[in-house]
Amino acid sequence: MTIRILIADDEALLRMAFGTVLEAQPDMAPVGEAADGAQAVRLARKLRPDVVLMDVRMPGTDGIEATRQVIQASPRSRVLILTTFDLDEYAFAGLKAGASGFLLKNTRPEELLTAIRSVAAGDAVVSPRITRRLLENLRPHIPDGGGVARDERLNRLSTREREVLVQVGRGLSNIEIAATLYLAEATVKSHLGRILHKLELRDRIQAVIFAYESRLIHPA
């Protein structure tokens, strides 16, 4: 399957550079370019890309607000935020807005391509450090005690799926979860896919947040 990608960045040279890298991949196709957030939203609504590469700082509508609007306009699209600024507040705001990943623009091309494929497949691309800081930021907003999520949605999961979700919530990768639970990595991926489907979640980072909000694990 070809991954259809929309590039949103206010620098023309960067859009061209990203496009050149993507066009060289047999499984990727750049379908549009946007110079600002508002244009990115319009093109996402029209083109329905699989992945949007979204710059944070753009004139007018910035990348965070554009991400929020893109997710609303094209729910199947995944947003991968790219920025020159390694600041946690951008990651927090972007993930809260619905982004599935956060990378620096100086990321190596092979890492960018891997991230695009991961996001297109429904995974999230967030470093363990960002995940930990995200959870620290969310901690004051996580309700005490149980709730509907714990009583109902968690009941949809099997015992093994709950075990996998706990490890996802702790920020472990699929390989690490496989080693911890003595499973094959492919089995972990299958479990995670079922977890996302059963809980009606978009990607891994939403699963992390759900694990804490539902009190399956505690933000100690």
Foldseek 3Di string as FASTA:
>chain_A
DAFEEEEEALDPVLVVVVQVLQVVDPRYHHDYYHNALVVLLVVCLVVVGQEYEAEQDGPDDGRLNSLLSSCVSRVNHAYEYEYQDPDLVSVLSNVVSPHQYYYYPPPDSVVVVVQSVQVSVQAGHDDLVSLLVNCVVCQVVQDPDADPCLVPLVVLADPVLLLLLVVLLNVDDLVRSCVVVVHDSVVSVVSLVVSCVSNVHRYSSVSNVSCDNRPVDHSD
